[in-house]
N, C-alpha and C. Protein backbone atom coordinates (compact mmCIF):
# COMPACT_ATOMS: atom_id res chain seq x y z
N MET A 1 -15.64 10.76 19.54
CA MET A 1 -14.98 12.07 19.43
C MET A 1 -14.64 12.33 17.97
N LYS A 2 -15.21 13.37 17.39
CA LYS A 2 -14.96 13.68 15.99
C LYS A 2 -13.76 14.60 15.90
N ASN A 3 -12.89 14.28 14.97
CA ASN A 3 -11.72 15.12 14.74
C ASN A 3 -11.90 15.86 13.43
N ASN A 4 -12.43 17.04 13.49
CA ASN A 4 -12.53 17.87 12.30
C ASN A 4 -12.29 19.32 12.71
N LYS A 5 -12.23 20.19 11.71
CA LYS A 5 -11.90 21.58 11.97
C LYS A 5 -12.91 22.23 12.92
N ILE A 6 -14.18 21.86 12.76
CA ILE A 6 -15.23 22.45 13.59
C ILE A 6 -15.00 22.09 15.06
N SER A 7 -14.72 20.81 15.34
CA SER A 7 -14.51 20.41 16.73
C SER A 7 -13.25 21.07 17.32
N TRP A 8 -12.19 21.26 16.50
CA TRP A 8 -11.00 21.94 16.99
C TRP A 8 -11.33 23.39 17.33
N LEU A 9 -12.05 24.06 16.44
CA LEU A 9 -12.42 25.45 16.68
C LEU A 9 -13.28 25.59 17.93
N LYS A 10 -14.12 24.59 18.18
CA LYS A 10 -14.95 24.60 19.39
C LYS A 10 -14.07 24.48 20.65
N LEU A 11 -13.03 23.67 20.56
CA LEU A 11 -12.12 23.50 21.70
C LEU A 11 -11.39 24.79 22.07
N VAL A 12 -11.06 25.60 21.07
CA VAL A 12 -10.23 26.78 21.33
C VAL A 12 -11.03 28.07 21.53
N GLU A 13 -12.33 28.02 21.22
CA GLU A 13 -13.11 29.26 21.37
C GLU A 13 -13.17 29.68 22.84
N ASN A 14 -13.19 30.97 23.06
CA ASN A 14 -13.26 31.59 24.40
C ASN A 14 -12.02 31.32 25.26
N ARG A 15 -10.91 30.94 24.66
CA ARG A 15 -9.66 30.76 25.42
C ARG A 15 -8.78 31.99 25.21
N GLU A 16 -8.28 32.54 26.31
CA GLU A 16 -7.35 33.67 26.20
C GLU A 16 -6.03 33.21 25.60
N GLN A 17 -5.59 32.04 26.01
CA GLN A 17 -4.36 31.44 25.46
C GLN A 17 -4.69 30.04 24.97
N VAL A 18 -4.11 29.68 23.82
CA VAL A 18 -4.26 28.31 23.34
C VAL A 18 -2.99 27.56 23.74
N ILE A 19 -3.17 26.62 24.66
CA ILE A 19 -2.06 25.81 25.18
C ILE A 19 -2.36 24.36 24.83
N ILE A 20 -1.37 23.68 24.28
CA ILE A 20 -1.54 22.29 23.85
C ILE A 20 -0.56 21.41 24.60
N GLU A 21 -1.02 20.23 24.97
CA GLU A 21 -0.13 19.20 25.51
C GLU A 21 -0.19 18.00 24.57
N LEU A 22 0.89 17.77 23.86
CA LEU A 22 0.97 16.66 22.92
C LEU A 22 1.28 15.37 23.67
N GLY A 23 0.60 14.29 23.30
CA GLY A 23 0.86 13.00 23.92
C GLY A 23 0.56 13.01 25.40
N CYS A 24 -0.57 13.59 25.78
CA CYS A 24 -0.88 13.75 27.21
C CYS A 24 -1.22 12.44 27.90
N GLY A 25 -1.65 11.43 27.15
CA GLY A 25 -1.99 10.14 27.76
C GLY A 25 -3.19 10.25 28.69
N GLN A 26 -3.19 9.44 29.74
CA GLN A 26 -4.33 9.37 30.67
C GLN A 26 -4.49 10.63 31.51
N HIS A 27 -3.35 11.31 31.80
CA HIS A 27 -3.40 12.46 32.72
C HIS A 27 -2.58 13.62 32.16
N LYS A 28 -3.23 14.75 31.99
CA LYS A 28 -2.53 15.95 31.56
C LYS A 28 -1.68 16.48 32.71
N ARG A 29 -0.48 16.93 32.39
CA ARG A 29 0.37 17.58 33.39
C ARG A 29 0.03 19.06 33.51
N PHE A 30 -0.55 19.61 32.47
CA PHE A 30 -0.88 21.03 32.42
C PHE A 30 -2.39 21.15 32.25
N LYS A 31 -3.09 21.48 33.33
CA LYS A 31 -4.55 21.36 33.39
C LYS A 31 -5.27 22.26 32.40
N ASP A 32 -4.67 23.42 32.05
CA ASP A 32 -5.33 24.34 31.12
C ASP A 32 -5.07 24.00 29.65
N ALA A 33 -4.28 22.96 29.41
CA ALA A 33 -3.92 22.60 28.05
C ALA A 33 -5.00 21.76 27.37
N ILE A 34 -5.01 21.83 26.05
CA ILE A 34 -5.82 20.93 25.24
C ILE A 34 -4.97 19.68 25.01
N GLY A 35 -5.42 18.55 25.50
CA GLY A 35 -4.67 17.30 25.39
C GLY A 35 -4.88 16.65 24.03
N ILE A 36 -3.77 16.38 23.33
CA ILE A 36 -3.81 15.70 22.04
C ILE A 36 -3.04 14.41 22.15
N ASP A 37 -3.66 13.31 21.72
CA ASP A 37 -3.00 12.00 21.76
C ASP A 37 -3.58 11.14 20.65
N CYS A 38 -2.91 10.01 20.38
CA CYS A 38 -3.38 9.11 19.32
C CYS A 38 -4.47 8.17 19.81
N LEU A 39 -4.67 8.11 21.13
CA LEU A 39 -5.70 7.25 21.72
C LEU A 39 -6.74 8.10 22.45
N GLU A 40 -7.97 7.64 22.45
CA GLU A 40 -9.03 8.35 23.16
C GLU A 40 -9.03 7.92 24.62
N LEU A 41 -8.24 8.64 25.41
CA LEU A 41 -8.09 8.34 26.84
C LEU A 41 -8.77 9.42 27.67
N LYS A 42 -8.76 9.24 28.97
CA LYS A 42 -9.50 10.11 29.90
C LYS A 42 -9.24 11.60 29.70
N ASP A 43 -8.00 12.03 29.64
CA ASP A 43 -7.67 13.46 29.56
C ASP A 43 -7.43 13.95 28.13
N VAL A 44 -7.67 13.11 27.15
CA VAL A 44 -7.44 13.50 25.76
C VAL A 44 -8.65 14.27 25.24
N ASP A 45 -8.39 15.48 24.76
CA ASP A 45 -9.46 16.32 24.22
C ASP A 45 -9.61 16.16 22.71
N PHE A 46 -8.50 15.77 22.05
CA PHE A 46 -8.51 15.67 20.59
C PHE A 46 -7.62 14.50 20.18
N VAL A 47 -8.18 13.56 19.45
CA VAL A 47 -7.42 12.40 19.00
C VAL A 47 -6.82 12.69 17.63
N ALA A 48 -5.50 12.45 17.50
CA ALA A 48 -4.83 12.73 16.23
C ALA A 48 -3.58 11.87 16.10
N ASP A 49 -3.25 11.54 14.87
CA ASP A 49 -2.00 10.84 14.55
C ASP A 49 -0.94 11.89 14.30
N LEU A 50 -0.03 12.08 15.25
CA LEU A 50 0.97 13.13 15.14
C LEU A 50 1.97 12.90 14.01
N GLU A 51 2.06 11.67 13.53
CA GLU A 51 2.92 11.40 12.36
C GLU A 51 2.45 12.20 11.15
N LYS A 52 1.17 12.56 11.15
CA LYS A 52 0.60 13.33 10.04
C LYS A 52 0.66 14.83 10.31
N GLY A 53 1.29 15.22 11.40
CA GLY A 53 1.41 16.63 11.73
C GLY A 53 0.21 17.14 12.50
N LEU A 54 -0.06 18.43 12.32
CA LEU A 54 -1.14 19.11 13.04
C LEU A 54 -2.05 19.84 12.04
N PRO A 55 -2.53 19.14 11.00
CA PRO A 55 -3.28 19.82 9.94
C PRO A 55 -4.59 20.44 10.40
N PHE A 56 -5.10 20.02 11.53
CA PHE A 56 -6.36 20.52 12.07
C PHE A 56 -6.19 21.85 12.81
N ILE A 57 -4.94 22.29 13.02
CA ILE A 57 -4.67 23.54 13.74
C ILE A 57 -4.29 24.63 12.73
N PRO A 58 -4.98 25.77 12.78
CA PRO A 58 -4.65 26.87 11.86
C PRO A 58 -3.25 27.44 12.12
N ASP A 59 -2.69 28.07 11.11
CA ASP A 59 -1.40 28.74 11.23
C ASP A 59 -1.45 29.82 12.31
N ASP A 60 -0.33 30.01 12.98
CA ASP A 60 -0.14 31.14 13.92
C ASP A 60 -1.28 31.26 14.93
N SER A 61 -1.67 30.16 15.56
CA SER A 61 -2.84 30.19 16.44
C SER A 61 -2.59 29.65 17.85
N VAL A 62 -1.38 29.16 18.13
CA VAL A 62 -1.11 28.51 19.42
C VAL A 62 -0.05 29.30 20.19
N ASP A 63 -0.30 29.45 21.51
CA ASP A 63 0.64 30.20 22.36
C ASP A 63 1.75 29.32 22.93
N ILE A 64 1.39 28.16 23.45
CA ILE A 64 2.38 27.27 24.09
C ILE A 64 2.07 25.83 23.70
N ILE A 65 3.13 25.08 23.39
CA ILE A 65 3.00 23.64 23.14
C ILE A 65 3.93 22.90 24.10
N TYR A 66 3.36 21.99 24.88
CA TYR A 66 4.14 21.13 25.77
C TYR A 66 4.16 19.72 25.19
N SER A 67 5.26 19.02 25.43
CA SER A 67 5.28 17.57 25.18
C SER A 67 6.33 16.95 26.09
N ARG A 68 6.02 15.80 26.62
CA ARG A 68 6.98 15.09 27.47
C ARG A 68 7.12 13.67 26.93
N HIS A 69 8.31 13.40 26.40
CA HIS A 69 8.62 12.08 25.83
C HIS A 69 7.60 11.69 24.76
N VAL A 70 7.49 12.57 23.77
CA VAL A 70 6.60 12.35 22.62
C VAL A 70 7.38 12.39 21.32
N LEU A 71 8.28 13.37 21.16
CA LEU A 71 8.96 13.57 19.87
C LEU A 71 9.79 12.37 19.44
N GLU A 72 10.28 11.59 20.38
CA GLU A 72 11.07 10.40 20.01
C GLU A 72 10.22 9.33 19.33
N HIS A 73 8.89 9.45 19.43
CA HIS A 73 7.99 8.49 18.79
C HIS A 73 7.62 8.90 17.37
N ILE A 74 8.11 10.06 16.93
CA ILE A 74 7.77 10.58 15.60
C ILE A 74 8.94 10.33 14.65
N SER A 75 8.65 9.72 13.50
CA SER A 75 9.73 9.33 12.60
C SER A 75 10.28 10.51 11.79
N ASN A 76 9.44 11.42 11.33
CA ASN A 76 9.92 12.56 10.55
C ASN A 76 9.92 13.82 11.42
N ILE A 77 10.98 13.97 12.19
CA ILE A 77 11.04 15.07 13.15
C ILE A 77 11.17 16.42 12.45
N SER A 78 11.81 16.47 11.29
CA SER A 78 11.91 17.72 10.53
C SER A 78 10.53 18.24 10.17
N PHE A 79 9.70 17.36 9.64
CA PHE A 79 8.34 17.73 9.28
C PHE A 79 7.56 18.18 10.51
N PHE A 80 7.70 17.43 11.61
CA PHE A 80 6.90 17.75 12.79
C PHE A 80 7.31 19.09 13.41
N LEU A 81 8.61 19.38 13.43
CA LEU A 81 9.05 20.67 13.96
C LEU A 81 8.61 21.82 13.06
N SER A 82 8.52 21.56 11.76
CA SER A 82 8.00 22.61 10.86
C SER A 82 6.51 22.84 11.13
N GLU A 83 5.79 21.78 11.51
CA GLU A 83 4.38 21.92 11.89
C GLU A 83 4.25 22.72 13.19
N ILE A 84 5.12 22.46 14.14
CA ILE A 84 5.12 23.22 15.39
C ILE A 84 5.36 24.70 15.11
N SER A 85 6.34 24.97 14.24
CA SER A 85 6.64 26.34 13.86
C SER A 85 5.44 26.99 13.15
N ARG A 86 4.77 26.24 12.32
CA ARG A 86 3.62 26.76 11.56
C ARG A 86 2.49 27.19 12.49
N VAL A 87 2.15 26.34 13.49
CA VAL A 87 0.97 26.62 14.32
C VAL A 87 1.24 27.60 15.46
N LEU A 88 2.50 27.75 15.87
CA LEU A 88 2.81 28.71 16.94
C LEU A 88 2.63 30.14 16.47
N LYS A 89 2.12 30.98 17.37
CA LYS A 89 2.07 32.41 17.11
C LYS A 89 3.50 32.96 17.17
N SER A 90 3.72 34.12 16.62
CA SER A 90 5.01 34.78 16.78
C SER A 90 5.25 35.01 18.27
N GLY A 91 6.36 34.57 18.78
CA GLY A 91 6.66 34.64 20.21
C GLY A 91 6.15 33.45 20.99
N GLY A 92 5.43 32.54 20.31
CA GLY A 92 4.94 31.33 20.96
C GLY A 92 6.07 30.39 21.31
N VAL A 93 5.83 29.51 22.28
CA VAL A 93 6.91 28.67 22.83
C VAL A 93 6.56 27.19 22.75
N LYS A 94 7.56 26.38 22.38
CA LYS A 94 7.48 24.92 22.46
C LYS A 94 8.39 24.49 23.59
N ILE A 95 7.82 23.86 24.61
CA ILE A 95 8.58 23.39 25.78
C ILE A 95 8.46 21.87 25.80
N GLY A 96 9.58 21.19 25.94
CA GLY A 96 9.49 19.74 25.89
C GLY A 96 10.63 19.01 26.57
N TRP A 97 10.42 17.71 26.70
CA TRP A 97 11.39 16.77 27.24
C TRP A 97 11.49 15.61 26.27
N VAL A 98 12.71 15.20 25.96
CA VAL A 98 12.95 14.01 25.13
C VAL A 98 14.06 13.20 25.79
N PRO A 99 14.10 11.90 25.57
CA PRO A 99 15.22 11.13 26.14
C PRO A 99 16.53 11.46 25.44
N HIS A 100 17.59 11.56 26.20
CA HIS A 100 18.93 11.71 25.63
C HIS A 100 19.36 10.35 25.09
N TRP A 101 20.16 10.35 24.03
CA TRP A 101 20.56 9.09 23.40
C TRP A 101 21.31 8.16 24.34
N SER A 102 21.93 8.71 25.40
CA SER A 102 22.69 7.86 26.33
C SER A 102 21.81 7.15 27.35
N ASN A 103 20.54 7.52 27.41
CA ASN A 103 19.60 6.90 28.35
C ASN A 103 19.47 5.41 28.03
N PRO A 104 19.85 4.52 28.96
CA PRO A 104 19.83 3.08 28.65
C PRO A 104 18.43 2.54 28.36
N TYR A 105 17.40 3.22 28.86
CA TYR A 105 16.04 2.75 28.61
C TYR A 105 15.52 3.16 27.23
N TYR A 106 16.21 4.11 26.60
CA TYR A 106 15.77 4.58 25.28
C TYR A 106 15.68 3.42 24.30
N TYR A 107 16.68 2.56 24.32
CA TYR A 107 16.77 1.47 23.33
C TYR A 107 15.78 0.35 23.60
N SER A 108 15.24 0.28 24.81
CA SER A 108 14.32 -0.80 25.15
C SER A 108 12.95 -0.64 24.52
N ASP A 109 12.60 0.58 24.17
CA ASP A 109 11.25 0.87 23.67
C ASP A 109 11.24 0.81 22.14
N PRO A 110 10.59 -0.20 21.56
CA PRO A 110 10.59 -0.32 20.09
C PRO A 110 9.79 0.77 19.38
N THR A 111 9.02 1.58 20.14
CA THR A 111 8.27 2.66 19.52
C THR A 111 9.10 3.95 19.39
N HIS A 112 10.32 3.95 19.93
CA HIS A 112 11.19 5.12 19.79
C HIS A 112 11.82 5.12 18.41
N LYS A 113 11.65 6.23 17.69
CA LYS A 113 12.09 6.31 16.30
C LYS A 113 13.17 7.35 16.05
N THR A 114 13.30 8.33 16.94
CA THR A 114 14.23 9.43 16.72
C THR A 114 15.15 9.60 17.91
N PHE A 115 16.44 9.76 17.64
CA PHE A 115 17.45 9.99 18.68
C PHE A 115 17.60 11.49 18.92
N PHE A 116 17.95 11.86 20.16
CA PHE A 116 18.22 13.26 20.48
C PHE A 116 19.49 13.38 21.30
N GLY A 117 20.32 14.35 20.91
CA GLY A 117 21.53 14.68 21.64
C GLY A 117 21.59 16.18 21.85
N LEU A 118 22.69 16.63 22.36
CA LEU A 118 22.88 18.03 22.72
C LEU A 118 22.61 18.98 21.56
N TYR A 119 23.02 18.61 20.35
CA TYR A 119 22.91 19.51 19.20
C TYR A 119 21.64 19.32 18.37
N SER A 120 20.82 18.34 18.69
CA SER A 120 19.70 17.98 17.81
C SER A 120 18.82 19.15 17.42
N PHE A 121 18.40 19.95 18.39
CA PHE A 121 17.47 21.05 18.07
C PHE A 121 18.17 22.21 17.38
N SER A 122 19.49 22.26 17.47
CA SER A 122 20.24 23.33 16.79
C SER A 122 20.10 23.24 15.27
N TYR A 123 19.83 22.04 14.75
CA TYR A 123 19.67 21.87 13.30
C TYR A 123 18.40 22.53 12.78
N TYR A 124 17.47 22.81 13.67
CA TYR A 124 16.16 23.32 13.26
C TYR A 124 15.88 24.74 13.77
N THR A 125 16.91 25.43 14.22
CA THR A 125 16.72 26.76 14.80
C THR A 125 17.60 27.80 14.11
N THR A 126 17.25 29.06 14.28
CA THR A 126 17.97 30.14 13.60
C THR A 126 19.28 30.49 14.29
N ASN A 127 19.34 30.28 15.61
CA ASN A 127 20.51 30.72 16.36
C ASN A 127 21.53 29.59 16.54
N ASN A 128 22.76 29.99 16.83
CA ASN A 128 23.82 29.03 17.17
C ASN A 128 23.94 29.02 18.69
N PHE A 129 23.27 28.07 19.32
CA PHE A 129 23.24 27.98 20.77
C PHE A 129 24.59 27.53 21.33
N TYR A 130 25.28 26.70 20.54
CA TYR A 130 26.58 26.16 20.96
C TYR A 130 27.68 26.68 20.05
N LYS A 131 28.92 26.47 20.48
CA LYS A 131 30.07 26.95 19.71
C LYS A 131 30.14 26.25 18.35
N ARG A 132 29.85 24.95 18.36
CA ARG A 132 29.91 24.19 17.11
C ARG A 132 28.70 24.52 16.24
N ASN A 133 28.96 25.03 15.05
CA ASN A 133 27.88 25.33 14.12
C ASN A 133 27.43 24.06 13.42
N VAL A 134 26.14 23.95 13.19
CA VAL A 134 25.59 22.80 12.48
C VAL A 134 24.83 23.30 11.26
N PRO A 135 24.68 22.46 10.23
CA PRO A 135 23.94 22.89 9.03
C PRO A 135 22.50 23.27 9.38
N LYS A 136 21.99 24.28 8.69
CA LYS A 136 20.63 24.74 8.96
C LYS A 136 19.80 24.79 7.68
N PHE A 137 20.12 23.93 6.74
CA PHE A 137 19.42 23.96 5.45
C PHE A 137 18.36 22.88 5.34
N TYR A 138 18.02 22.22 6.45
CA TYR A 138 17.06 21.12 6.40
C TYR A 138 15.62 21.61 6.25
N GLN A 139 15.36 22.83 6.69
CA GLN A 139 14.02 23.40 6.57
C GLN A 139 14.12 24.90 6.79
N LYS A 140 13.02 25.59 6.50
CA LYS A 140 12.97 27.03 6.77
C LYS A 140 12.89 27.19 8.29
N ASN A 141 13.93 27.78 8.86
CA ASN A 141 14.00 27.90 10.31
C ASN A 141 13.33 29.17 10.80
N THR A 142 12.35 29.01 11.68
CA THR A 142 11.69 30.17 12.30
C THR A 142 11.70 30.05 13.82
N LEU A 143 12.42 29.05 14.34
CA LEU A 143 12.47 28.81 15.78
C LEU A 143 13.84 29.20 16.33
N THR A 144 13.84 29.65 17.58
CA THR A 144 15.08 29.95 18.28
C THR A 144 15.18 29.02 19.48
N LEU A 145 16.36 28.44 19.68
CA LEU A 145 16.60 27.60 20.85
C LEU A 145 16.97 28.50 22.02
N GLU A 146 16.15 28.49 23.07
CA GLU A 146 16.38 29.35 24.23
C GLU A 146 16.96 28.62 25.43
N LYS A 147 16.65 27.34 25.54
CA LYS A 147 17.13 26.56 26.69
C LYS A 147 17.34 25.13 26.25
N ASN A 148 18.40 24.51 26.75
CA ASN A 148 18.72 23.13 26.42
C ASN A 148 19.49 22.55 27.60
N LEU A 149 18.83 21.74 28.42
CA LEU A 149 19.46 21.21 29.63
C LEU A 149 19.49 19.69 29.59
N LEU A 150 20.56 19.10 30.09
CA LEU A 150 20.68 17.65 30.22
C LEU A 150 20.27 17.28 31.64
N LEU A 151 19.30 16.38 31.77
CA LEU A 151 18.73 16.06 33.08
C LEU A 151 18.97 14.62 33.49
N ILE A 152 19.18 14.44 34.78
CA ILE A 152 19.25 13.12 35.39
C ILE A 152 18.04 13.01 36.31
N ILE A 153 17.21 12.03 36.10
CA ILE A 153 15.99 11.87 36.88
C ILE A 153 16.28 11.03 38.12
N ASP A 154 15.81 11.51 39.27
CA ASP A 154 16.00 10.79 40.53
C ASP A 154 14.84 9.82 40.72
N ASN A 155 15.03 8.57 40.32
CA ASN A 155 13.97 7.56 40.42
C ASN A 155 13.96 6.84 41.76
N ASP A 156 15.12 6.73 42.40
CA ASP A 156 15.20 5.94 43.63
C ASP A 156 15.28 6.78 44.91
N GLY A 157 15.66 8.05 44.80
CA GLY A 157 15.72 8.91 45.97
C GLY A 157 16.96 8.71 46.83
N ASN A 158 17.83 7.75 46.49
CA ASN A 158 19.00 7.44 47.33
C ASN A 158 20.18 8.36 47.07
N ASP A 159 20.30 8.85 45.86
CA ASP A 159 21.49 9.64 45.53
C ASP A 159 21.10 10.95 44.87
N SER A 160 20.01 11.56 45.32
CA SER A 160 19.53 12.78 44.68
C SER A 160 20.51 13.94 44.79
N ILE A 161 21.25 14.05 45.90
CA ILE A 161 22.22 15.15 46.05
C ILE A 161 23.34 15.01 45.04
N ILE A 162 23.82 13.78 44.87
CA ILE A 162 24.88 13.53 43.88
C ILE A 162 24.39 13.87 42.49
N LYS A 163 23.16 13.43 42.16
CA LYS A 163 22.61 13.69 40.83
C LYS A 163 22.41 15.19 40.60
N LYS A 164 21.91 15.89 41.62
CA LYS A 164 21.70 17.33 41.49
C LYS A 164 23.03 18.06 41.27
N CYS A 165 24.05 17.66 42.00
CA CYS A 165 25.38 18.27 41.84
C CYS A 165 25.95 18.00 40.45
N LEU A 166 25.80 16.75 40.01
CA LEU A 166 26.30 16.37 38.69
C LEU A 166 25.58 17.15 37.60
N MET A 167 24.25 17.28 37.72
CA MET A 167 23.49 18.06 36.73
C MET A 167 23.91 19.52 36.72
N ALA A 168 24.16 20.07 37.90
CA ALA A 168 24.58 21.48 37.98
C ALA A 168 25.92 21.69 37.28
N ILE A 169 26.83 20.73 37.43
CA ILE A 169 28.14 20.84 36.77
C ILE A 169 28.00 20.68 35.26
N ILE A 170 27.23 19.67 34.83
CA ILE A 170 27.05 19.42 33.39
C ILE A 170 26.43 20.65 32.72
N ASN A 171 25.44 21.26 33.37
CA ASN A 171 24.69 22.38 32.76
C ASN A 171 25.21 23.75 33.16
N LEU A 172 26.45 23.80 33.66
CA LEU A 172 27.04 25.07 34.07
C LEU A 172 27.04 26.07 32.91
N ASN A 173 27.44 25.62 31.73
CA ASN A 173 27.41 26.44 30.51
C ASN A 173 27.51 25.51 29.30
N TYR A 174 27.52 26.09 28.11
CA TYR A 174 27.54 25.25 26.92
C TYR A 174 28.84 24.43 26.82
N LYS A 175 29.94 24.96 27.34
CA LYS A 175 31.21 24.23 27.27
C LYS A 175 31.16 22.94 28.10
N THR A 176 30.63 23.05 29.33
CA THR A 176 30.56 21.86 30.18
C THR A 176 29.58 20.84 29.60
N GLN A 177 28.51 21.31 28.96
CA GLN A 177 27.58 20.39 28.29
C GLN A 177 28.29 19.65 27.14
N GLU A 178 29.07 20.39 26.36
CA GLU A 178 29.77 19.78 25.23
C GLU A 178 30.83 18.79 25.71
N ILE A 179 31.55 19.17 26.76
CA ILE A 179 32.57 18.26 27.32
C ILE A 179 31.90 16.99 27.82
N TYR A 180 30.78 17.15 28.53
CA TYR A 180 30.06 15.97 29.03
C TYR A 180 29.66 15.05 27.88
N GLU A 181 28.99 15.60 26.87
CA GLU A 181 28.47 14.72 25.82
C GLU A 181 29.60 14.06 25.03
N ARG A 182 30.67 14.79 24.80
CA ARG A 182 31.76 14.24 23.99
C ARG A 182 32.58 13.18 24.74
N TYR A 183 32.83 13.41 26.03
CA TYR A 183 33.77 12.54 26.74
C TYR A 183 33.17 11.67 27.84
N LEU A 184 32.05 12.07 28.43
CA LEU A 184 31.56 11.36 29.61
C LEU A 184 30.22 10.66 29.44
N SER A 185 29.49 10.97 28.36
CA SER A 185 28.12 10.47 28.23
C SER A 185 28.02 8.95 28.17
N ARG A 186 29.09 8.29 27.69
CA ARG A 186 29.06 6.82 27.62
C ARG A 186 29.37 6.19 28.98
N ILE A 187 29.98 6.98 29.86
CA ILE A 187 30.32 6.49 31.20
C ILE A 187 29.20 6.82 32.19
N ILE A 188 28.72 8.07 32.13
CA ILE A 188 27.65 8.52 33.03
C ILE A 188 26.48 8.99 32.16
N PRO A 189 25.53 8.13 31.86
CA PRO A 189 24.42 8.55 31.01
C PRO A 189 23.47 9.50 31.72
N VAL A 190 22.88 10.42 30.95
CA VAL A 190 21.81 11.25 31.49
C VAL A 190 20.48 10.68 30.98
N ASP A 191 19.39 11.17 31.54
CA ASP A 191 18.09 10.61 31.17
C ASP A 191 17.41 11.35 30.04
N GLU A 192 17.41 12.69 30.12
CA GLU A 192 16.62 13.41 29.14
C GLU A 192 17.15 14.81 28.87
N ILE A 193 16.60 15.41 27.82
CA ILE A 193 16.90 16.79 27.45
C ILE A 193 15.63 17.60 27.66
N TYR A 194 15.78 18.73 28.35
CA TYR A 194 14.68 19.67 28.54
C TYR A 194 14.98 20.88 27.67
N PHE A 195 14.03 21.29 26.82
CA PHE A 195 14.32 22.35 25.84
C PHE A 195 13.17 23.34 25.73
N HIS A 196 13.54 24.57 25.33
CA HIS A 196 12.59 25.63 24.99
C HIS A 196 12.90 26.10 23.58
N LEU A 197 11.89 26.12 22.73
CA LEU A 197 12.00 26.73 21.40
C LEU A 197 11.00 27.87 21.34
N ARG A 198 11.40 28.97 20.72
CA ARG A 198 10.48 30.11 20.57
C ARG A 198 10.39 30.49 19.10
N LYS A 199 9.17 30.75 18.63
CA LYS A 199 8.99 31.17 17.25
C LYS A 199 9.34 32.65 17.11
N ASN A 200 10.14 32.95 16.11
CA ASN A 200 10.57 34.34 15.87
C ASN A 200 9.39 35.21 15.42
């Protein structure tokens, strides 16, 4: 599989929407997406080292970018989010899942390089999603944070009602999210953050 501009252009030609799934692994979750991963696996359409960004993708050319548990593997998240902003069309969306820092399994994986908490994406966006303002001088911000939810994954099926109720309370509004992270996150860890970013 050759990774050059010509092969990328071939992948996107005749597509009404350019949808990308970063770190898709063996199986894409989004069948219409172009799968990008660092390994040449079954569902990977384009092999790339995401630590180097997305230099093979032209500016303002992508409609939707998905990633599930990928951004925590990238060491320079500021650079990578600026790359996401660069390649998204105006109005384009980045939808993703990352582990929350309280997730006990986060620390077990030596390939995890970046921590994420409730305010993490606020540092890279134009809007103030939460009451607490954070510095926004780390990069030129062109993204807006539209959704930020704390999730508990039901792995065993035994207490799904309790988990669903707890998630509903935590995500009731930004105040309950802030109260949870400040006072309860060390007692009751959540698994991940689900977020939407939109390019202005």
